[in-house]
Amino acid sequence: MKEERAFIQAGEVKIEGLVDNAPGEKAVIVTHPHPLYGGDMSNNVVEAVVQAYRQKGYTTFRFNFRGVGQSEGNYDEGIGEQEDVRAGLSYLNGLGKSSIDLAGYSFGAWVNALGLKSFDHAKRIIMVSPPVNFIDFSFLGYNARIQLVIAGSKDDIAPPGM
């Protein structure tokens, strides 16, 4: 399949995304690193996660958080960004997807964790390099939906053994 550009509404702002709609009910939303440090949906790790899910037959949806690329609005310290994820979940539900994973890289992992209680349609959470030495994750605690945490042995911001 081929990714197609999609614009979705997240509250008052339009969010720019790329969707590859595969048959079936499985889908993933992949969220990107910190927008104030150059993070966007074209990040190489985001693309690698998208590719891994695509190879497993999932519909993939990645998007630019508000204020990034062609997405409207401004950086909102994780608050509005949660609304962006909720809009992505609604978008995928509208495509008939009922088994949706959230896979976030760095800041994207934090946004997914922040909204975990309100992301009812998210089945599983995958975190790639959650920036535990940079952003507070103490609110999180145990959650059975967090299925995988990937951390590099030489990553000072997201060290293993967190």
N, C-alpha and C. Protein backbone atom coordinates (compact mmCIF):
# COMPACT_ATOMS: atom_id res chain seq x y z
N MET A 1 0.84 -1.19 0.00
CA MET A 1 0.00 0.00 0.00
C MET A 1 0.88 1.25 0.00
N LYS A 2 0.23 2.35 -0.22
CA LYS A 2 0.92 3.63 -0.28
C LYS A 2 0.27 4.60 0.69
N GLU A 3 1.09 5.35 1.41
CA GLU A 3 0.55 6.35 2.32
C GLU A 3 -0.11 7.48 1.54
N GLU A 4 -1.22 7.94 2.08
CA GLU A 4 -1.93 9.07 1.49
C GLU A 4 -2.04 10.16 2.54
N ARG A 5 -1.95 11.40 2.09
CA ARG A 5 -2.08 12.54 3.00
C ARG A 5 -3.52 12.64 3.48
N ALA A 6 -3.67 12.92 4.76
CA ALA A 6 -5.00 13.08 5.36
C ALA A 6 -4.94 14.26 6.32
N PHE A 7 -5.97 15.07 6.31
CA PHE A 7 -6.10 16.15 7.28
C PHE A 7 -7.30 15.82 8.16
N ILE A 8 -7.09 15.84 9.47
CA ILE A 8 -8.17 15.55 10.41
C ILE A 8 -8.37 16.75 11.32
N GLN A 9 -9.55 16.84 11.89
CA GLN A 9 -9.87 17.94 12.79
C GLN A 9 -9.62 17.52 14.23
N ALA A 10 -8.82 18.32 14.95
CA ALA A 10 -8.56 18.09 16.37
C ALA A 10 -8.98 19.36 17.11
N GLY A 11 -10.20 19.38 17.56
CA GLY A 11 -10.72 20.60 18.18
C GLY A 11 -10.81 21.69 17.14
N GLU A 12 -10.11 22.78 17.38
CA GLU A 12 -10.15 23.94 16.48
C GLU A 12 -9.08 23.89 15.39
N VAL A 13 -8.21 22.89 15.40
CA VAL A 13 -7.10 22.87 14.45
C VAL A 13 -7.17 21.66 13.53
N LYS A 14 -6.62 21.84 12.34
CA LYS A 14 -6.48 20.73 11.38
C LYS A 14 -5.09 20.14 11.57
N ILE A 15 -5.05 18.82 11.56
CA ILE A 15 -3.81 18.08 11.76
C ILE A 15 -3.46 17.35 10.47
N GLU A 16 -2.20 17.50 10.06
CA GLU A 16 -1.69 16.86 8.84
C GLU A 16 -1.18 15.46 9.18
N GLY A 17 -1.59 14.47 8.41
CA GLY A 17 -1.12 13.12 8.65
C GLY A 17 -0.92 12.33 7.38
N LEU A 18 -0.39 11.13 7.55
CA LEU A 18 -0.21 10.17 6.46
C LEU A 18 -0.83 8.85 6.90
N VAL A 19 -1.70 8.30 6.07
CA VAL A 19 -2.37 7.06 6.40
C VAL A 19 -2.11 6.03 5.31
N ASP A 20 -1.90 4.80 5.73
CA ASP A 20 -1.82 3.65 4.83
C ASP A 20 -2.90 2.69 5.31
N ASN A 21 -4.03 2.69 4.63
CA ASN A 21 -5.22 1.95 5.08
C ASN A 21 -5.18 0.51 4.56
N ALA A 22 -4.85 -0.41 5.45
CA ALA A 22 -4.80 -1.83 5.12
C ALA A 22 -6.14 -2.49 5.47
N PRO A 23 -6.44 -3.62 4.86
CA PRO A 23 -7.67 -4.34 5.22
C PRO A 23 -7.62 -4.79 6.68
N GLY A 24 -8.78 -4.97 7.27
CA GLY A 24 -8.85 -5.49 8.63
C GLY A 24 -9.04 -4.41 9.67
N GLU A 25 -9.10 -4.85 10.92
CA GLU A 25 -9.43 -3.94 12.01
C GLU A 25 -8.21 -3.40 12.75
N LYS A 26 -7.00 -3.93 12.48
CA LYS A 26 -5.80 -3.53 13.22
C LYS A 26 -5.20 -2.24 12.65
N ALA A 27 -4.84 -1.34 13.57
CA ALA A 27 -4.23 -0.08 13.17
C ALA A 27 -3.27 0.39 14.25
N VAL A 28 -2.42 1.33 13.87
CA VAL A 28 -1.51 1.96 14.82
C VAL A 28 -1.42 3.45 14.51
N ILE A 29 -1.32 4.23 15.57
CA ILE A 29 -0.97 5.65 15.46
C ILE A 29 0.45 5.76 15.97
N VAL A 30 1.32 6.38 15.18
CA VAL A 30 2.71 6.56 15.58
C VAL A 30 2.94 8.05 15.81
N THR A 31 3.35 8.39 17.04
CA THR A 31 3.57 9.79 17.41
C THR A 31 5.06 10.11 17.47
N HIS A 32 5.38 11.35 17.16
CA HIS A 32 6.78 11.75 16.93
C HIS A 32 7.45 12.45 18.12
N PRO A 33 8.77 12.67 17.99
CA PRO A 33 9.53 13.34 19.05
C PRO A 33 9.13 14.81 19.22
N HIS A 34 9.77 15.43 20.17
CA HIS A 34 9.43 16.79 20.61
C HIS A 34 9.47 17.81 19.48
N PRO A 35 8.35 18.50 19.27
CA PRO A 35 8.27 19.49 18.18
C PRO A 35 9.25 20.65 18.34
N LEU A 36 9.57 21.03 19.57
CA LEU A 36 10.48 22.16 19.78
C LEU A 36 11.94 21.79 19.52
N TYR A 37 12.20 20.51 19.31
CA TYR A 37 13.54 20.04 19.00
C TYR A 37 13.61 19.41 17.62
N GLY A 38 12.68 19.78 16.76
CA GLY A 38 12.70 19.32 15.37
C GLY A 38 11.93 18.04 15.10
N GLY A 39 11.23 17.51 16.08
CA GLY A 39 10.48 16.27 15.87
C GLY A 39 9.30 16.46 14.94
N ASP A 40 9.12 15.50 14.05
CA ASP A 40 7.95 15.50 13.16
C ASP A 40 7.68 14.08 12.68
N MET A 41 6.62 13.93 11.88
CA MET A 41 6.20 12.59 11.45
C MET A 41 7.17 11.96 10.45
N SER A 42 8.14 12.74 9.95
CA SER A 42 9.12 12.20 9.00
C SER A 42 10.39 11.73 9.69
N ASN A 43 10.41 11.73 11.00
CA ASN A 43 11.56 11.26 11.76
C ASN A 43 11.89 9.81 11.38
N ASN A 44 13.16 9.48 11.32
CA ASN A 44 13.57 8.14 10.87
C ASN A 44 13.08 7.02 11.79
N VAL A 45 13.01 7.26 13.08
CA VAL A 45 12.51 6.23 13.99
C VAL A 45 11.01 6.05 13.80
N VAL A 46 10.29 7.16 13.64
CA VAL A 46 8.84 7.09 13.37
C VAL A 46 8.61 6.28 12.10
N GLU A 47 9.38 6.56 11.06
CA GLU A 47 9.23 5.83 9.80
C GLU A 47 9.53 4.34 9.97
N ALA A 48 10.54 4.01 10.79
CA ALA A 48 10.87 2.60 11.03
C ALA A 48 9.74 1.88 11.76
N VAL A 49 9.12 2.55 12.73
CA VAL A 49 8.00 1.95 13.45
C VAL A 49 6.81 1.75 12.51
N VAL A 50 6.54 2.75 11.69
CA VAL A 50 5.46 2.63 10.70
C VAL A 50 5.71 1.43 9.79
N GLN A 51 6.93 1.31 9.30
CA GLN A 51 7.27 0.20 8.40
C GLN A 51 7.10 -1.16 9.08
N ALA A 52 7.51 -1.26 10.34
CA ALA A 52 7.37 -2.52 11.07
C ALA A 52 5.90 -2.91 11.22
N TYR A 53 5.05 -1.96 11.53
CA TYR A 53 3.62 -2.25 11.64
C TYR A 53 3.01 -2.57 10.28
N ARG A 54 3.45 -1.85 9.27
CA ARG A 54 2.92 -2.09 7.92
C ARG A 54 3.22 -3.52 7.49
N GLN A 55 4.42 -4.00 7.80
CA GLN A 55 4.79 -5.37 7.43
C GLN A 55 3.93 -6.41 8.15
N LYS A 56 3.34 -6.03 9.27
CA LYS A 56 2.45 -6.93 10.01
C LYS A 56 0.99 -6.79 9.58
N GLY A 57 0.73 -5.95 8.57
CA GLY A 57 -0.61 -5.82 8.02
C GLY A 57 -1.50 -4.80 8.70
N TYR A 58 -0.92 -3.93 9.50
CA TYR A 58 -1.69 -2.89 10.19
C TYR A 58 -1.93 -1.69 9.28
N THR A 59 -3.06 -1.03 9.47
CA THR A 59 -3.24 0.32 8.95
C THR A 59 -2.35 1.22 9.79
N THR A 60 -1.59 2.09 9.15
CA THR A 60 -0.72 3.00 9.89
C THR A 60 -1.19 4.44 9.70
N PHE A 61 -1.11 5.20 10.78
CA PHE A 61 -1.42 6.63 10.73
C PHE A 61 -0.39 7.36 11.56
N ARG A 62 0.34 8.23 10.91
CA ARG A 62 1.27 9.11 11.61
C ARG A 62 0.89 10.53 11.25
N PHE A 63 1.14 11.44 12.15
CA PHE A 63 0.73 12.82 11.91
C PHE A 63 1.71 13.77 12.57
N ASN A 64 1.64 15.01 12.14
CA ASN A 64 2.39 16.07 12.79
C ASN A 64 1.53 16.67 13.89
N PHE A 65 2.08 16.72 15.10
CA PHE A 65 1.36 17.39 16.18
C PHE A 65 1.08 18.84 15.78
N ARG A 66 0.13 19.45 16.45
CA ARG A 66 -0.23 20.85 16.19
C ARG A 66 1.03 21.73 16.18
N GLY A 67 1.06 22.62 15.21
CA GLY A 67 2.18 23.54 15.08
C GLY A 67 3.37 22.99 14.32
N VAL A 68 3.29 21.77 13.82
CA VAL A 68 4.40 21.15 13.10
C VAL A 68 3.97 20.90 11.65
N GLY A 69 4.88 21.17 10.71
CA GLY A 69 4.57 20.95 9.30
C GLY A 69 3.35 21.74 8.88
N GLN A 70 2.39 21.05 8.25
CA GLN A 70 1.17 21.72 7.81
C GLN A 70 0.03 21.60 8.83
N SER A 71 0.33 21.10 10.02
CA SER A 71 -0.68 21.07 11.08
C SER A 71 -0.85 22.47 11.65
N GLU A 72 -2.08 22.85 11.87
CA GLU A 72 -2.38 24.17 12.41
C GLU A 72 -2.11 24.19 13.92
N GLY A 73 -2.15 25.40 14.48
CA GLY A 73 -2.03 25.56 15.92
C GLY A 73 -0.59 25.73 16.36
N ASN A 74 -0.39 25.60 17.66
CA ASN A 74 0.92 25.79 18.28
C ASN A 74 1.19 24.68 19.28
N TYR A 75 2.46 24.48 19.56
CA TYR A 75 2.87 23.54 20.60
C TYR A 75 2.08 23.85 21.88
N ASP A 76 1.61 22.81 22.56
CA ASP A 76 0.73 23.01 23.71
C ASP A 76 1.15 22.18 24.93
N GLU A 77 2.44 21.93 25.09
CA GLU A 77 3.00 21.27 26.27
C GLU A 77 2.33 19.94 26.61
N GLY A 78 1.88 19.22 25.58
CA GLY A 78 1.30 17.90 25.77
C GLY A 78 -0.21 17.89 25.95
N ILE A 79 -0.81 19.04 26.20
CA ILE A 79 -2.26 19.11 26.42
C ILE A 79 -3.00 18.99 25.08
N GLY A 80 -2.79 19.94 24.19
CA GLY A 80 -3.43 19.90 22.88
C GLY A 80 -2.98 18.69 22.07
N GLU A 81 -1.74 18.26 22.30
CA GLU A 81 -1.22 17.10 21.57
C GLU A 81 -2.02 15.84 21.91
N GLN A 82 -2.53 15.75 23.15
CA GLN A 82 -3.41 14.63 23.50
C GLN A 82 -4.69 14.69 22.67
N GLU A 83 -5.18 15.89 22.44
CA GLU A 83 -6.37 16.06 21.60
C GLU A 83 -6.08 15.60 20.18
N ASP A 84 -4.84 15.84 19.71
CA ASP A 84 -4.45 15.38 18.38
C ASP A 84 -4.52 13.85 18.30
N VAL A 85 -4.03 13.18 19.34
CA VAL A 85 -4.08 11.71 19.37
C VAL A 85 -5.53 11.22 19.41
N ARG A 86 -6.36 11.86 20.25
CA ARG A 86 -7.78 11.47 20.31
C ARG A 86 -8.44 11.62 18.94
N ALA A 87 -8.09 12.69 18.22
CA ALA A 87 -8.64 12.89 16.88
C ALA A 87 -8.18 11.77 15.95
N GLY A 88 -6.92 11.34 16.09
CA GLY A 88 -6.42 10.22 15.30
C GLY A 88 -7.16 8.93 15.60
N LEU A 89 -7.44 8.69 16.87
CA LEU A 89 -8.21 7.50 17.26
C LEU A 89 -9.60 7.53 16.64
N SER A 90 -10.25 8.69 16.69
CA SER A 90 -11.59 8.83 16.08
C SER A 90 -11.53 8.62 14.58
N TYR A 91 -10.49 9.16 13.95
CA TYR A 91 -10.31 9.01 12.51
C TYR A 91 -10.21 7.53 12.14
N LEU A 92 -9.37 6.80 12.87
CA LEU A 92 -9.20 5.37 12.57
C LEU A 92 -10.47 4.58 12.88
N ASN A 93 -11.19 4.94 13.93
CA ASN A 93 -12.48 4.29 14.19
C ASN A 93 -13.42 4.51 13.02
N GLY A 94 -13.38 5.70 12.43
CA GLY A 94 -14.21 6.01 11.27
C GLY A 94 -13.84 5.19 10.05
N LEU A 95 -12.60 4.70 10.02
CA LEU A 95 -12.16 3.82 8.92
C LEU A 95 -12.47 2.36 9.23
N GLY A 96 -13.15 2.10 10.34
CA GLY A 96 -13.51 0.73 10.70
C GLY A 96 -12.45 0.00 11.50
N LYS A 97 -11.51 0.72 12.05
CA LYS A 97 -10.44 0.09 12.84
C LYS A 97 -10.86 0.02 14.30
N SER A 98 -10.86 -1.17 14.86
CA SER A 98 -11.31 -1.35 16.24
C SER A 98 -10.22 -1.87 17.17
N SER A 99 -9.07 -2.22 16.63
CA SER A 99 -7.94 -2.69 17.43
C SER A 99 -6.76 -1.78 17.12
N ILE A 100 -6.61 -0.73 17.94
CA ILE A 100 -5.65 0.34 17.63
C ILE A 100 -4.55 0.40 18.67
N ASP A 101 -3.31 0.33 18.21
CA ASP A 101 -2.14 0.53 19.06
C ASP A 101 -1.70 1.98 18.98
N LEU A 102 -1.05 2.45 20.05
CA LEU A 102 -0.37 3.74 20.04
C LEU A 102 1.11 3.45 20.21
N ALA A 103 1.92 3.89 19.28
CA ALA A 103 3.36 3.73 19.37
C ALA A 103 3.98 5.12 19.33
N GLY A 104 4.65 5.49 20.41
CA GLY A 104 5.22 6.83 20.48
C GLY A 104 6.71 6.80 20.66
N TYR A 105 7.38 7.71 19.99
CA TYR A 105 8.83 7.85 20.11
C TYR A 105 9.14 9.11 20.91
N SER A 106 9.87 8.97 22.00
CA SER A 106 10.33 10.08 22.82
C SER A 106 9.14 10.92 23.32
N PHE A 107 9.06 12.18 22.95
CA PHE A 107 7.93 13.04 23.34
C PHE A 107 6.60 12.39 22.99
N GLY A 108 6.53 11.73 21.84
CA GLY A 108 5.29 11.05 21.44
C GLY A 108 4.89 9.97 22.43
N ALA A 109 5.87 9.27 23.01
CA ALA A 109 5.58 8.27 24.04
C ALA A 109 5.00 8.94 25.27
N TRP A 110 5.52 10.11 25.63
CA TRP A 110 5.03 10.84 26.80
C TRP A 110 3.59 11.31 26.57
N VAL A 111 3.31 11.86 25.39
CA VAL A 111 1.94 12.31 25.08
C VAL A 111 0.98 11.13 25.17
N ASN A 112 1.36 10.00 24.61
CA ASN A 112 0.50 8.81 24.67
C ASN A 112 0.27 8.38 26.12
N ALA A 113 1.33 8.44 26.94
CA ALA A 113 1.21 8.08 28.35
C ALA A 113 0.31 9.07 29.10
N LEU A 114 0.47 10.36 28.82
CA LEU A 114 -0.37 11.38 29.47
C LEU A 114 -1.85 11.14 29.24
N GLY A 115 -2.20 10.76 28.03
CA GLY A 115 -3.60 10.60 27.68
C GLY A 115 -4.14 9.20 27.84
N LEU A 116 -3.35 8.31 28.39
CA LEU A 116 -3.71 6.90 28.44
C LEU A 116 -5.10 6.66 29.02
N LYS A 117 -5.45 7.36 30.08
CA LYS A 117 -6.76 7.14 30.71
C LYS A 117 -7.91 7.57 29.81
N SER A 118 -7.67 8.56 28.97
CA SER A 118 -8.76 9.05 28.11
C SER A 118 -8.72 8.45 26.70
N PHE A 119 -7.69 7.70 26.39
CA PHE A 119 -7.58 7.08 25.07
C PHE A 119 -8.25 5.70 25.11
N ASP A 120 -9.57 5.70 25.25
CA ASP A 120 -10.32 4.46 25.42
C ASP A 120 -10.15 3.48 24.27
N HIS A 121 -9.98 3.99 23.06
CA HIS A 121 -9.91 3.12 21.89
C HIS A 121 -8.52 2.52 21.67
N ALA A 122 -7.55 2.92 22.49
CA ALA A 122 -6.20 2.39 22.33
C ALA A 122 -6.08 1.04 23.03
N LYS A 123 -5.71 0.03 22.25
CA LYS A 123 -5.61 -1.33 22.80
C LYS A 123 -4.28 -1.54 23.52
N ARG A 124 -3.19 -1.16 22.85
CA ARG A 124 -1.85 -1.36 23.41
C ARG A 124 -1.02 -0.10 23.21
N ILE A 125 -0.05 0.08 24.11
CA ILE A 125 0.86 1.21 24.04
C ILE A 125 2.28 0.66 23.89
N ILE A 126 3.01 1.21 22.94
CA ILE A 126 4.41 0.88 22.74
C ILE A 126 5.18 2.18 22.89
N MET A 127 6.22 2.17 23.72
CA MET A 127 7.04 3.37 23.94
C MET A 127 8.44 3.12 23.42
N VAL A 128 8.91 4.00 22.57
CA VAL A 128 10.28 3.93 22.07
C VAL A 128 11.03 5.12 22.66
N SER A 129 12.05 4.84 23.43
CA SER A 129 12.87 5.87 24.08
C SER A 129 12.04 6.91 24.82
N PRO A 130 11.20 6.49 25.77
CA PRO A 130 10.47 7.48 26.55
C PRO A 130 11.47 8.34 27.34
N PRO A 131 11.39 9.66 27.23
CA PRO A 131 12.43 10.54 27.78
C PRO A 131 12.30 10.75 29.29
N VAL A 132 12.50 9.70 30.07
CA VAL A 132 12.28 9.74 31.51
C VAL A 132 13.26 10.64 32.25
N ASN A 133 14.41 10.94 31.67
CA ASN A 133 15.36 11.85 32.30
C ASN A 133 15.16 13.29 31.86
N PHE A 134 14.13 13.54 31.08
CA PHE A 134 13.87 14.86 30.51
C PHE A 134 12.46 15.35 30.85
N ILE A 135 11.50 14.42 30.91
CA ILE A 135 10.09 14.74 31.17
C ILE A 135 9.59 13.79 32.26
N ASP A 136 8.75 14.30 33.15
CA ASP A 136 8.23 13.51 34.27
C ASP A 136 7.24 12.44 33.81
N PHE A 137 7.53 11.19 34.14
CA PHE A 137 6.64 10.06 33.88
C PHE A 137 6.11 9.46 35.18
N SER A 138 6.34 10.12 36.31
CA SER A 138 5.98 9.53 37.61
C SER A 138 4.48 9.28 37.76
N PHE A 139 3.67 9.98 37.01
CA PHE A 139 2.21 9.83 37.06
C PHE A 139 1.75 8.47 36.53
N LEU A 140 2.59 7.81 35.78
CA LEU A 140 2.16 6.67 34.98
C LEU A 140 1.83 5.43 35.79
N GLY A 141 2.76 4.96 36.59
CA GLY A 141 2.52 3.72 37.32
C GLY A 141 2.34 2.54 36.38
N TYR A 142 1.77 1.46 36.90
CA TYR A 142 1.56 0.26 36.09
C TYR A 142 0.29 0.40 35.26
N ASN A 143 0.36 -0.04 34.03
CA ASN A 143 -0.82 -0.10 33.17
C ASN A 143 -0.63 -1.28 32.22
N ALA A 144 -1.57 -2.20 32.24
CA ALA A 144 -1.45 -3.43 31.45
C ALA A 144 -1.44 -3.16 29.95
N ARG A 145 -1.93 -2.00 29.52
CA ARG A 145 -1.93 -1.71 28.08
C ARG A 145 -0.53 -1.34 27.57
N ILE A 146 0.38 -0.98 28.46
CA ILE A 146 1.76 -0.70 28.04
C ILE A 146 2.42 -2.05 27.82
N GLN A 147 2.62 -2.40 26.56
CA GLN A 147 3.08 -3.74 26.19
C GLN A 147 4.57 -3.83 25.93
N LEU A 148 5.17 -2.72 25.54
CA LEU A 148 6.58 -2.77 25.17
C LEU A 148 7.21 -1.40 25.39
N VAL A 149 8.38 -1.40 26.03
CA VAL A 149 9.18 -0.18 26.19
C VAL A 149 10.55 -0.49 25.63
N ILE A 150 10.98 0.31 24.66
CA ILE A 150 12.28 0.11 24.02
C ILE A 150 13.19 1.26 24.43
N ALA A 151 14.35 0.92 25.00
CA ALA A 151 15.31 1.94 25.41
C ALA A 151 16.71 1.48 25.02
N GLY A 152 17.51 2.41 24.54
CA GLY A 152 18.87 2.10 24.11
C GLY A 152 19.86 2.15 25.26
N SER A 153 20.86 1.30 25.22
CA SER A 153 21.83 1.23 26.31
C SER A 153 22.72 2.47 26.40
N LYS A 154 22.77 3.28 25.36
CA LYS A 154 23.59 4.49 25.37
C LYS A 154 22.75 5.75 25.24
N ASP A 155 21.50 5.67 25.66
CA ASP A 155 20.57 6.79 25.56
C ASP A 155 20.48 7.49 26.91
N ASP A 156 21.02 8.71 27.01
CA ASP A 156 21.03 9.44 28.28
C ASP A 156 19.66 10.00 28.66
N ILE A 157 18.79 10.18 27.69
CA ILE A 157 17.47 10.76 27.96
C ILE A 157 16.45 9.67 28.28
N ALA A 158 16.63 8.50 27.69
CA ALA A 158 15.70 7.39 27.91
C ALA A 158 16.49 6.12 28.22
N PRO A 159 17.16 6.09 29.38
CA PRO A 159 18.00 4.93 29.69
C PRO A 159 17.19 3.69 30.04
N PRO A 160 17.75 2.51 29.78
CA PRO A 160 17.06 1.29 30.19
C PRO A 160 17.05 1.20 31.72
N GLY A 161 16.18 0.39 32.25
CA GLY A 161 16.10 0.21 33.70
C GLY A 161 15.39 1.35 34.39
N MET A 162 14.58 2.06 33.63
CA MET A 162 13.88 3.20 34.22
C MET A 162 12.90 2.72 35.23
